[in-house]
Amino acid sequence: MPHASAPEGALETRGLEPVPDAERTGRVRGLFPTWVAANISVLLLTMGAGLIVLNGLNFWQALVVGVAAPVVSYGTVGLISIAGKRGGAPGMALSRAVFGQRGNLFPGSLIWVARWGWETINAVTGAYAVLTVLDLLFGIKRSTPLVVITLLLFVAGTFLVSGLGIKALRVCSTWSAYLFGAFSVLVLVHLVAETDWSAVFGKPAGPTAMMIAGIGTIAAGGLSWVPSGPDFTRYLPRSASGRAMVGTTVGGAGITVVPLVLMGAVMAVGAPDLATARDPVSFIGALLPTWISVPYLLIALVGMVLINSMSMYSAGFTAQTLGIKVPRAWAVSVNAVISLVLGFLLMVIATSFIGSFVSFLTLLAVAFSAWIGVFGVDMLRRRTYDATALMDTTRTSGYWYRGGFAPSAMAAWGTALVVGVLFTSVEWFSGPLAGTWVGENGLGWVVTVLVAAGLYGVLPRERAKTPAPAEAESGAGSGERMGAGTDGAGSASARLPV
């Protein structure tokens, strides 16, 4: 696998291999614009409207949901990101140490497929943004050829930025965060002046159960970033503060999620149809003056390109962990093509965007939560990763365990996944336990995390093969010896230092 001698070039060519300590020059504060950019999506406006129209909540309940969702989801992202500074490798590469070299193919495949859906949703939203701008400025109406062209342009932009690598993502994230923040202030000022606030604050409170469900729905988007968290922290030095990483991650996401959700909730009072619109973007042109809506949509479009670029950046690593032996930039192209095809089907054939989107988020949360539960418990016992063992996919790997599988991790992951689905209900599927209190409140993903973590916590775990002294020195990367007490289930590290 080719790699760069330094990550600072225009094109990042480093693949799965852990980043040497000498190249870990990143700073924790750089995570802030990264997670701001990861949430620059007009879909949050639609989801905020859904809290009012579909969940029956009032403004204050929507505020609680808007604050709680990023704290829960991106707090988890931040915690798992600590593994990135410890191991210097992408999340799904570090996952090999938990599930085994072969076992990791199972959660890796599921997460890779789930990313197809997320990237498709983003591509469709971006294409709708372009179509809306063309309609507002030039009166050009949507047509099938135009849908194909806008999707191609969006996916091409995504492929370009994600292919360039981490430095390009950092630069683009910083500037888009500034621009989107400035125009969001303009939208807020307009809403303050034009909104019937008596109607907003006069709306009665909805059921607490619907608040819980709303938190789960919005948090699902954040949970999808959890396995990718280490991808963006592997260039941080080992001395980076874990607490600062978590706080910066939550802060970057929250400063975007909260106002967007509330703006959507306020808009829904005057235009309740936007929560169920087939097109999740065009309502912006109807509710805002052109001089605000057009630049706002264009900047949001840049944000959505970045969201997809970040997802494809991580998806490239995931594809490599599955054995696709191509450079990361080429691995990204697989997801680009898939999102293009699925995006066309969603825009041309699907009858309900928001229904498909919520169903996807629900299943997405369960799929990622099983991995989160197992990997999170493993982090409680592990301080370092063996760089050599991570990259060795043969029987000689320290992470080969039994036939390439870690039985306890696989059992906990598989069981949690099945249990979570039993409590889940979407448009086209309803599990047998979906009618329970847990299922009706959209908490299938919480059950999934708890079952995965609980089972993995009590099942006997396999110890990693302890490397020879010379291998241990090179594997740790900073002179840390890789004994069973630090790289296996030893009790000496039975807490998560942040």
Protein backbone atom coordinates (compact mmCIF):
# COMPACT_ATOMS: atom_id res chain seq x y z
CA MET A 1 0.00 0.00 0.00
CA PRO A 2 1.58 3.31 -0.96
CA HIS A 3 2.03 5.93 1.67
CA ALA A 4 3.35 9.43 1.97
CA SER A 5 6.38 10.32 3.96
CA ALA A 6 4.42 13.24 5.33
CA PRO A 7 0.73 14.08 5.39
CA GLU A 8 1.15 17.72 4.44
CA GLY A 9 1.13 17.39 0.64
CA ALA A 10 -1.86 18.34 -1.45
CA LEU A 11 -2.71 14.68 -2.03
CA GLU A 12 -2.76 12.30 0.92
CA THR A 13 -1.63 8.85 -0.18
CA ARG A 14 -1.36 7.18 3.20
CA GLY A 15 -3.69 4.22 3.51
CA LEU A 16 -4.46 2.04 6.51
CA GLU A 17 -0.94 2.00 7.92
CA PRO A 18 -0.59 3.76 11.28
CA VAL A 19 0.83 7.29 11.21
CA PRO A 20 4.35 7.51 12.69
CA ASP A 21 4.74 9.72 15.73
CA ALA A 22 6.96 12.14 13.79
CA GLU A 23 4.06 12.93 11.44
CA ARG A 24 1.44 13.46 14.14
CA THR A 25 1.37 17.23 13.98
CA GLY A 26 -2.38 17.79 14.14
CA ARG A 27 -4.09 19.88 16.82
CA VAL A 28 -7.25 19.11 18.74
CA ARG A 29 -8.79 22.45 17.82
CA GLY A 30 -8.74 21.34 14.19
CA LEU A 31 -11.56 18.92 15.04
CA PHE A 32 -13.97 21.82 15.64
CA PRO A 33 -14.45 22.92 12.01
CA THR A 34 -14.39 19.26 10.95
CA TRP A 35 -17.51 18.46 12.96
CA VAL A 36 -19.14 21.78 12.14
CA ALA A 37 -18.78 20.89 8.46
CA ALA A 38 -20.06 17.37 9.08
CA ASN A 39 -23.42 18.86 10.06
CA ILE A 40 -23.89 21.58 7.45
CA SER A 41 -27.00 20.02 5.95
CA VAL A 42 -30.43 21.44 5.23
CA LEU A 43 -31.77 18.03 6.22
CA LEU A 44 -31.49 19.19 9.81
CA LEU A 45 -34.06 21.88 8.98
CA THR A 46 -36.43 19.20 7.72
CA MET A 47 -35.79 17.05 10.80
CA GLY A 48 -36.43 20.03 13.07
CA ALA A 49 -39.73 20.58 11.26
CA GLY A 50 -40.55 16.93 11.77
CA LEU A 51 -40.24 17.36 15.53
CA ILE A 52 -43.11 19.87 15.39
CA VAL A 53 -45.31 18.34 12.69
CA LEU A 54 -44.73 14.59 13.03
CA ASN A 55 -43.73 14.24 16.70
CA GLY A 56 -46.14 16.91 17.93
CA LEU A 57 -43.56 18.72 20.08
CA ASN A 58 -43.44 22.40 20.98
CA PHE A 59 -40.51 24.80 20.62
CA TRP A 60 -39.02 24.11 24.05
CA GLN A 61 -39.18 20.37 23.57
CA ALA A 62 -37.49 20.77 20.18
CA LEU A 63 -34.75 22.74 21.96
CA VAL A 64 -34.19 19.87 24.40
CA VAL A 65 -34.02 17.40 21.53
CA GLY A 66 -31.66 19.65 19.56
CA VAL A 67 -29.25 19.88 22.50
CA ALA A 68 -29.47 16.27 23.72
CA ALA A 69 -29.01 14.60 20.32
CA PRO A 70 -25.51 15.96 19.52
CA VAL A 71 -24.35 15.50 23.13
CA VAL A 72 -25.30 11.81 23.00
CA SER A 73 -24.13 11.06 19.47
CA TYR A 74 -21.06 13.25 19.11
CA GLY A 75 -20.03 12.59 22.69
CA THR A 76 -19.76 8.97 21.55
CA VAL A 77 -17.87 10.04 18.43
CA GLY A 78 -15.40 11.94 20.58
CA LEU A 79 -14.84 9.04 22.96
CA ILE A 80 -14.20 6.53 20.19
CA SER A 81 -11.95 9.08 18.47
CA ILE A 82 -9.47 8.62 21.31
CA ALA A 83 -8.56 5.29 19.73
CA GLY A 84 -7.23 7.24 16.74
CA LYS A 85 -4.56 9.05 18.73
CA ARG A 86 -3.64 5.80 20.49
CA GLY A 87 -3.26 3.69 17.37
CA GLY A 88 -2.66 6.26 14.64
CA ALA A 89 -4.85 4.28 12.23
CA PRO A 90 -8.39 4.56 10.81
CA GLY A 91 -11.23 3.26 12.95
CA MET A 92 -12.00 0.16 10.92
CA ALA A 93 -8.30 -0.76 10.83
CA LEU A 94 -8.15 -0.51 14.64
CA SER A 95 -11.27 -2.66 14.72
CA ARG A 96 -9.13 -5.58 13.56
CA ALA A 97 -7.62 -5.68 17.04
CA VAL A 98 -11.11 -6.24 18.48
CA PHE A 99 -12.80 -8.62 16.04
CA GLY A 100 -9.77 -10.37 14.51
CA GLN A 101 -8.41 -10.02 11.00
CA ARG A 102 -11.20 -12.09 9.44
CA GLY A 103 -13.90 -11.28 11.96
CA ASN A 104 -13.57 -7.56 11.23
CA LEU A 105 -14.80 -8.21 7.70
CA PHE A 106 -18.35 -8.71 9.02
CA PRO A 107 -18.95 -5.39 10.84
CA GLY A 108 -16.75 -3.70 8.24
CA SER A 109 -18.96 -4.91 5.38
CA LEU A 110 -22.14 -3.81 7.14
CA ILE A 111 -20.73 -0.36 7.92
CA TRP A 112 -19.47 0.03 4.35
CA VAL A 113 -22.91 -0.82 2.94
CA ALA A 114 -24.57 1.55 5.43
CA ARG A 115 -22.36 4.34 4.13
CA TRP A 116 -23.84 3.82 0.67
CA GLY A 117 -27.19 4.91 2.02
CA TRP A 118 -25.77 7.92 3.88
CA GLU A 119 -23.82 9.09 0.86
CA THR A 120 -26.88 8.59 -1.35
CA ILE A 121 -29.03 10.74 0.95
CA ASN A 122 -26.41 13.50 0.92
CA ALA A 123 -26.00 13.32 -2.86
CA VAL A 124 -29.75 13.59 -3.36
CA THR A 125 -30.01 16.55 -0.98
CA GLY A 126 -27.14 18.29 -2.75
CA ALA A 127 -28.72 17.70 -6.13
CA TYR A 128 -32.02 19.11 -4.88
CA ALA A 129 -30.14 22.20 -3.67
CA VAL A 130 -28.70 22.76 -7.15
CA LEU A 131 -32.12 22.26 -8.76
CA THR A 132 -33.70 24.74 -6.36
CA VAL A 133 -31.06 27.39 -7.11
CA LEU A 134 -31.53 26.91 -10.86
CA ASP A 135 -35.27 27.33 -10.45
CA LEU A 136 -34.95 30.46 -8.28
CA LEU A 137 -32.41 32.20 -10.50
CA PHE A 138 -33.31 31.09 -14.00
CA GLY A 139 -36.73 29.43 -13.77
CA ILE A 140 -35.24 26.11 -14.95
CA LYS A 141 -37.56 23.32 -13.85
CA ARG A 142 -36.56 19.84 -12.78
CA SER A 143 -36.28 17.13 -15.45
CA THR A 144 -34.76 13.65 -15.53
CA PRO A 145 -31.70 14.71 -17.60
CA LEU A 146 -31.12 17.62 -15.22
CA VAL A 147 -31.38 15.28 -12.23
CA VAL A 148 -28.65 13.10 -13.74
CA ILE A 149 -26.41 16.11 -14.46
CA THR A 150 -26.76 17.58 -10.96
CA LEU A 151 -26.07 14.22 -9.34
CA LEU A 152 -22.98 13.75 -11.51
CA LEU A 153 -21.66 17.20 -10.59
CA PHE A 154 -22.27 16.65 -6.87
CA VAL A 155 -20.67 13.20 -6.78
CA ALA A 156 -17.73 14.42 -8.86
CA GLY A 157 -17.09 17.25 -6.40
CA THR A 158 -17.33 14.82 -3.52
CA PHE A 159 -14.91 12.40 -5.15
CA LEU A 160 -12.39 15.18 -5.81
CA VAL A 161 -12.30 16.54 -2.25
CA SER A 162 -12.34 13.13 -0.53
CA GLY A 163 -9.63 11.87 -2.88
CA LEU A 164 -7.30 14.74 -1.96
CA GLY A 165 -7.30 13.62 1.66
CA ILE A 166 -7.24 14.97 5.19
CA LYS A 167 -5.54 18.32 4.50
CA ALA A 168 -8.05 19.32 1.82
CA LEU A 169 -10.90 18.32 4.11
CA ARG A 170 -9.51 20.46 6.92
CA VAL A 171 -9.13 23.56 4.75
CA CYS A 172 -12.57 23.21 3.14
CA SER A 173 -14.21 22.49 6.49
CA THR A 174 -12.79 25.64 8.06
CA TRP A 175 -13.96 28.01 5.32
CA SER A 176 -17.38 26.41 4.90
CA ALA A 177 -17.95 26.64 8.65
CA TYR A 178 -17.28 30.40 8.59
CA LEU A 179 -19.46 31.05 5.54
CA PHE A 180 -22.35 28.87 6.62
CA GLY A 181 -22.29 30.38 10.08
CA ALA A 182 -22.49 33.89 8.67
CA PHE A 183 -25.46 33.14 6.43
CA SER A 184 -27.21 31.14 9.16
CA VAL A 185 -27.16 34.34 11.22
CA LEU A 186 -28.91 36.13 8.34
CA VAL A 187 -31.57 33.42 8.23
CA LEU A 188 -32.05 33.68 11.98
CA VAL A 189 -32.46 37.45 11.77
CA HIS A 190 -35.05 37.04 9.01
CA LEU A 191 -36.96 34.44 11.04
CA VAL A 192 -36.94 36.62 14.12
CA ALA A 193 -38.45 39.48 12.14
CA GLU A 194 -41.00 37.50 10.10
CA THR A 195 -42.17 34.69 12.39
CA ASP A 196 -45.45 34.71 14.28
CA TRP A 197 -43.88 34.02 17.67
CA SER A 198 -47.19 33.81 19.47
CA ALA A 199 -48.02 30.79 17.30
CA VAL A 200 -44.58 29.30 17.93
CA PHE A 201 -44.70 29.59 21.71
CA GLY A 202 -48.43 28.90 21.91
CA LYS A 203 -48.10 25.36 20.63
CA PRO A 204 -48.88 22.81 23.39
CA ALA A 205 -46.29 20.31 24.57
CA GLY A 206 -46.23 16.86 23.02
CA PRO A 207 -45.69 13.45 24.62
CA THR A 208 -42.38 12.81 26.35
CA ALA A 209 -42.13 9.59 24.36
CA MET A 210 -41.99 11.62 21.16
CA MET A 211 -39.13 13.68 22.59
CA ILE A 212 -37.19 10.50 23.24
CA ALA A 213 -37.92 9.27 19.73
CA GLY A 214 -36.83 12.62 18.29
CA ILE A 215 -33.51 12.47 20.13
CA GLY A 216 -32.92 9.00 18.71
CA THR A 217 -33.73 10.04 15.15
CA ILE A 218 -31.44 13.08 15.12
CA ALA A 219 -28.71 11.30 17.10
CA ALA A 220 -28.66 8.50 14.51
CA GLY A 221 -26.92 10.77 12.03
CA GLY A 222 -24.16 11.48 14.54
CA LEU A 223 -23.78 7.83 15.50
CA SER A 224 -22.99 7.01 11.89
CA TRP A 225 -19.75 8.99 12.31
CA VAL A 226 -18.55 6.97 15.32
CA PRO A 227 -16.45 4.38 13.43
CA SER A 228 -14.96 7.26 11.41
CA GLY A 229 -13.93 9.28 14.47
CA PRO A 230 -10.40 7.82 14.66
CA ASP A 231 -9.89 8.59 10.95
CA PHE A 232 -9.78 12.30 11.82
CA THR A 233 -7.66 11.99 14.99
CA ARG A 234 -4.91 9.65 13.83
CA TYR A 235 -2.67 12.63 13.03
CA LEU A 236 -2.97 13.92 16.61
CA PRO A 237 -0.01 13.30 18.95
CA ARG A 238 -0.41 10.66 21.64
CA SER A 239 -0.26 13.43 24.25
CA ALA A 240 -3.43 15.11 22.92
CA SER A 241 -6.09 15.56 25.61
CA GLY A 242 -8.94 13.06 25.33
CA ARG A 243 -11.27 15.38 27.22
CA ALA A 244 -10.48 18.19 24.80
CA MET A 245 -11.14 15.86 21.87
CA VAL A 246 -14.59 14.97 23.20
CA GLY A 247 -15.47 18.56 24.07
CA THR A 248 -14.32 19.91 20.71
CA THR A 249 -16.24 17.24 18.83
CA VAL A 250 -19.48 17.88 20.72
CA GLY A 251 -19.02 21.64 20.47
CA GLY A 252 -18.42 21.62 16.73
CA ALA A 253 -21.48 19.46 16.09
CA GLY A 254 -23.74 21.16 18.61
CA ILE A 255 -23.10 24.70 17.39
CA THR A 256 -24.50 23.59 14.02
CA VAL A 257 -27.17 21.06 14.97
CA VAL A 258 -28.99 23.12 17.60
CA PRO A 259 -29.71 26.25 15.54
CA LEU A 260 -30.59 24.28 12.40
CA VAL A 261 -33.05 22.06 14.27
CA LEU A 262 -34.65 25.09 15.92
CA MET A 263 -34.83 26.99 12.64
CA GLY A 264 -36.63 24.03 11.09
CA ALA A 265 -39.01 23.88 14.04
CA VAL A 266 -39.84 27.58 13.69
CA MET A 267 -40.32 27.31 9.93
CA ALA A 268 -42.71 24.38 10.41
CA VAL A 269 -45.17 26.53 12.34
CA GLY A 270 -45.84 28.64 9.25
CA ALA A 271 -45.29 25.89 6.67
CA PRO A 272 -46.09 22.47 8.17
CA ASP A 273 -45.91 20.78 4.76
CA LEU A 274 -42.11 21.06 4.71
CA ALA A 275 -41.82 18.16 7.17
CA THR A 276 -43.37 15.77 4.65
CA ALA A 277 -42.26 17.34 1.36
CA ARG A 278 -40.94 15.01 -1.31
CA ASP A 279 -38.22 17.56 -1.99
CA PRO A 280 -36.42 18.41 1.30
CA VAL A 281 -34.81 21.60 -0.04
CA SER A 282 -37.14 23.67 -2.24
CA PHE A 283 -39.15 24.95 0.74
CA ILE A 284 -36.20 27.19 1.60
CA GLY A 285 -36.79 29.16 -1.59
CA ALA A 286 -40.46 29.52 -0.70
CA LEU A 287 -39.89 30.67 2.88
CA LEU A 288 -36.86 32.94 2.46
CA PRO A 289 -36.22 35.89 0.12
CA THR A 290 -34.06 35.05 -2.89
CA TRP A 291 -31.13 37.21 -1.74
CA ILE A 292 -30.85 34.99 1.34
CA SER A 293 -32.02 31.62 0.04
CA VAL A 294 -29.72 31.39 -3.01
CA PRO A 295 -26.36 32.06 -1.26
CA TYR A 296 -27.55 30.06 1.74
CA LEU A 297 -28.29 27.04 -0.45
CA LEU A 298 -25.00 27.40 -2.32
CA ILE A 299 -23.01 27.45 0.90
CA ALA A 300 -25.09 24.56 2.26
CA LEU A 301 -24.28 22.73 -0.96
CA VAL A 302 -20.58 23.12 -0.23
CA GLY A 303 -21.27 21.76 3.24
CA MET A 304 -23.08 18.74 1.86
CA VAL A 305 -20.19 18.06 -0.50
CA LEU A 306 -17.90 18.09 2.54
CA ILE A 307 -20.17 15.76 4.51
CA ASN A 308 -20.12 13.28 1.66
CA SER A 309 -16.39 13.78 1.18
CA MET A 310 -15.75 12.97 4.83
CA SER A 311 -17.96 9.89 4.58
CA MET A 312 -16.26 8.71 1.39
CA TYR A 313 -12.83 9.45 2.90
CA SER A 314 -13.63 7.00 5.69
CA ALA A 315 -15.40 4.61 3.33
CA GLY A 316 -12.17 4.32 1.34
CA PHE A 317 -10.41 3.03 4.46
CA THR A 318 -13.27 0.64 5.20
CA ALA A 319 -13.05 -0.76 1.67
CA GLN A 320 -9.33 -1.33 2.17
CA THR A 321 -9.93 -3.24 5.41
CA LEU A 322 -12.24 -5.53 3.40
CA GLY A 323 -9.32 -6.52 1.21
CA ILE A 324 -9.89 -4.20 -1.76
CA LYS A 325 -6.22 -3.74 -2.59
CA VAL A 326 -6.23 -0.33 -4.24
CA PRO A 327 -5.11 3.10 -3.02
CA ARG A 328 -7.61 4.89 -0.80
CA ALA A 329 -8.51 7.44 -3.47
CA TRP A 330 -9.48 4.64 -5.86
CA ALA A 331 -11.43 2.83 -3.15
CA VAL A 332 -13.48 6.02 -2.75
CA SER A 333 -14.62 5.74 -6.38
CA VAL A 334 -16.62 2.60 -5.58
CA ASN A 335 -18.81 4.52 -3.14
CA ALA A 336 -19.08 7.42 -5.59
CA VAL A 337 -20.55 5.21 -8.30
CA ILE A 338 -22.93 3.50 -5.87
CA SER A 339 -24.23 6.79 -4.47
CA LEU A 340 -24.78 8.04 -8.02
CA VAL A 341 -26.92 5.05 -8.98
CA LEU A 342 -28.91 4.92 -5.74
CA GLY A 343 -29.36 8.69 -5.77
CA PHE A 344 -30.93 8.54 -9.21
CA LEU A 345 -33.37 5.87 -8.03
CA LEU A 346 -34.33 7.88 -4.95
CA MET A 347 -34.91 11.10 -6.89
CA VAL A 348 -36.79 9.58 -9.82
CA ILE A 349 -38.65 6.61 -8.35
CA ALA A 350 -39.13 7.07 -4.60
CA THR A 351 -42.36 8.80 -3.55
CA SER A 352 -41.38 9.92 -0.04
CA PHE A 353 -37.93 11.31 0.67
CA ILE A 354 -38.42 12.02 4.36
CA GLY A 355 -40.03 8.62 4.99
CA SER A 356 -37.13 6.84 3.31
CA PHE A 357 -34.67 9.05 5.17
CA VAL A 358 -36.10 8.38 8.65
CA SER A 359 -36.32 4.64 7.95
CA PHE A 360 -32.71 4.67 6.83
CA LEU A 361 -31.57 6.57 9.93
CA THR A 362 -33.37 4.09 12.17
CA LEU A 363 -31.66 1.07 10.63
CA LEU A 364 -28.37 2.94 10.43
CA ALA A 365 -28.36 3.55 14.18
CA VAL A 366 -28.82 -0.15 14.92
CA ALA A 367 -26.13 -1.21 12.43
CA PHE A 368 -23.51 1.13 13.93
CA SER A 369 -24.54 0.64 17.57
CA ALA A 370 -23.57 -3.05 17.66
CA TRP A 371 -20.01 -2.12 16.65
CA ILE A 372 -19.96 0.82 19.07
CA GLY A 373 -20.85 -1.37 22.06
CA VAL A 374 -18.10 -3.92 21.42
CA PHE A 375 -15.39 -1.47 20.36
CA GLY A 376 -16.19 0.88 23.25
CA VAL A 377 -15.78 -1.81 25.89
CA ASP A 378 -12.53 -2.90 24.28
CA MET A 379 -11.24 0.67 24.63
CA LEU A 380 -11.74 0.46 28.38
CA ARG A 381 -9.03 -2.20 28.51
CA ARG A 382 -6.67 -1.11 25.77
CA ARG A 383 -4.17 1.75 25.74
CA THR A 384 -2.11 0.87 22.68
CA TYR A 385 -2.33 -1.03 19.39
CA ASP A 386 0.31 -3.21 17.73
CA ALA A 387 0.97 -1.48 14.40
CA THR A 388 2.55 -4.57 12.87
CA ALA A 389 -0.32 -6.83 13.89
CA LEU A 390 -2.90 -4.39 12.52
CA MET A 391 -1.37 -4.52 9.04
CA ASP A 392 -0.56 -8.25 9.05
CA THR A 393 -3.64 -10.05 7.70
CA THR A 394 -2.03 -13.51 7.78
CA ARG A 395 -1.98 -16.19 10.47
CA THR A 396 1.17 -14.64 11.94
CA SER A 397 -0.77 -11.53 13.03
CA GLY A 398 -1.04 -10.84 16.72
CA TYR A 399 -4.73 -10.19 16.05
CA TRP A 400 -5.43 -13.52 14.34
CA TYR A 401 -6.99 -15.02 17.49
CA ARG A 402 -8.90 -18.20 16.49
CA GLY A 403 -8.84 -18.73 12.77
CA GLY A 404 -8.83 -14.98 12.24
CA PHE A 405 -11.86 -14.40 14.50
CA ALA A 406 -12.29 -13.10 18.06
CA PRO A 407 -15.25 -15.31 19.12
CA SER A 408 -16.41 -13.17 22.04
CA ALA A 409 -16.49 -9.98 19.98
CA MET A 410 -18.27 -11.69 17.10
CA ALA A 411 -20.86 -13.26 19.41
CA ALA A 412 -21.60 -9.97 21.18
CA TRP A 413 -21.82 -8.05 17.90
CA GLY A 414 -24.06 -10.58 16.14
CA THR A 415 -26.40 -11.04 19.08
CA ALA A 416 -26.79 -7.29 19.64
CA LEU A 417 -27.50 -6.72 15.97
CA VAL A 418 -30.32 -9.28 15.95
CA VAL A 419 -31.83 -8.00 19.21
CA GLY A 420 -31.72 -4.39 17.97
CA VAL A 421 -33.56 -5.28 14.76
CA LEU A 422 -36.27 -7.05 16.78
CA PHE A 423 -37.09 -3.71 18.46
CA THR A 424 -36.97 -1.69 15.24
CA SER A 425 -39.78 -0.52 12.98
CA VAL A 426 -39.40 1.25 9.62
CA GLU A 427 -41.60 1.82 6.57
CA TRP A 428 -40.99 -1.59 5.06
CA PHE A 429 -40.20 -3.69 8.15
CA SER A 430 -41.37 -4.07 11.74
CA GLY A 431 -39.62 -6.31 14.26
CA PRO A 432 -41.72 -8.51 16.56
CA LEU A 433 -40.76 -6.39 19.60
CA ALA A 434 -41.26 -3.03 17.87
CA GLY A 435 -44.63 -2.60 19.60
CA THR A 436 -43.04 -2.50 23.06
CA TRP A 437 -42.25 0.74 24.89
CA VAL A 438 -38.65 0.49 23.74
CA GLY A 439 -39.61 -0.04 20.11
CA GLU A 440 -42.31 2.63 20.02
CA ASN A 441 -39.84 5.20 21.36
CA GLY A 442 -37.20 4.38 18.76
CA LEU A 443 -34.75 3.00 21.31
CA GLY A 444 -33.73 -0.12 19.41
CA TRP A 445 -30.26 1.36 18.95
CA VAL A 446 -29.87 1.87 22.72
CA VAL A 447 -30.75 -1.77 23.33
CA THR A 448 -28.21 -2.72 20.67
CA VAL A 449 -25.40 -0.80 22.38
CA LEU A 450 -26.26 -2.19 25.81
CA VAL A 451 -26.50 -5.81 24.64
CA ALA A 452 -23.24 -5.57 22.69
CA ALA A 453 -21.36 -3.92 25.55
CA GLY A 454 -22.86 -6.18 28.21
CA LEU A 455 -22.15 -9.42 26.41
CA TYR A 456 -18.64 -8.44 25.41
CA GLY A 457 -17.98 -7.28 28.96
CA VAL A 458 -18.79 -10.68 30.48
CA LEU A 459 -17.64 -13.10 27.79
CA PRO A 460 -14.07 -14.42 28.05
CA ARG A 461 -11.83 -12.58 25.62
CA GLU A 462 -8.94 -13.90 23.60
CA ARG A 463 -5.55 -12.41 24.28
CA ALA A 464 -3.60 -10.95 21.40
CA LYS A 465 -0.43 -12.78 20.49
CA THR A 466 2.37 -10.98 22.33
CA PRO A 467 5.03 -9.87 19.81
CA ALA A 468 8.71 -10.50 20.24
CA PRO A 469 10.60 -7.66 21.98
CA ALA A 470 11.89 -6.14 18.72
CA GLU A 471 8.41 -6.25 17.20
CA ALA A 472 6.91 -4.71 20.31
CA GLU A 473 9.23 -1.73 20.12
CA SER A 474 8.34 -0.98 16.49
CA GLY A 475 4.65 -1.77 16.89
CA ALA A 476 4.05 0.65 19.73
CA GLY A 477 5.53 3.54 17.77
CA SER A 478 6.61 5.44 20.87
CA GLY A 479 8.59 2.91 22.81
CA GLU A 480 5.58 1.45 24.61
CA ARG A 481 5.84 -2.31 25.07
CA MET A 482 2.85 -4.30 23.86
CA GLY A 483 2.23 -6.91 26.50
CA ALA A 484 -1.00 -8.74 27.26
CA GLY A 485 -1.76 -6.22 29.96
CA THR A 486 -1.94 -3.35 27.47
CA ASP A 487 -3.15 -4.94 24.27
CA GLY A 488 -5.45 -7.64 25.48
CA ALA A 489 -7.97 -7.91 28.28
CA GLY A 490 -5.54 -7.16 31.08
CA SER A 491 -6.99 -5.45 34.15
CA ALA A 492 -4.11 -2.99 34.40
CA SER A 493 -5.88 -0.71 31.91
CA ALA A 494 -9.46 -1.22 33.01
CA ARG A 495 -10.47 2.37 32.57
CA LEU A 496 -10.63 4.85 29.72
CA PRO A 497 -8.16 7.69 30.28
CA VAL A 498 -9.31 10.94 28.72
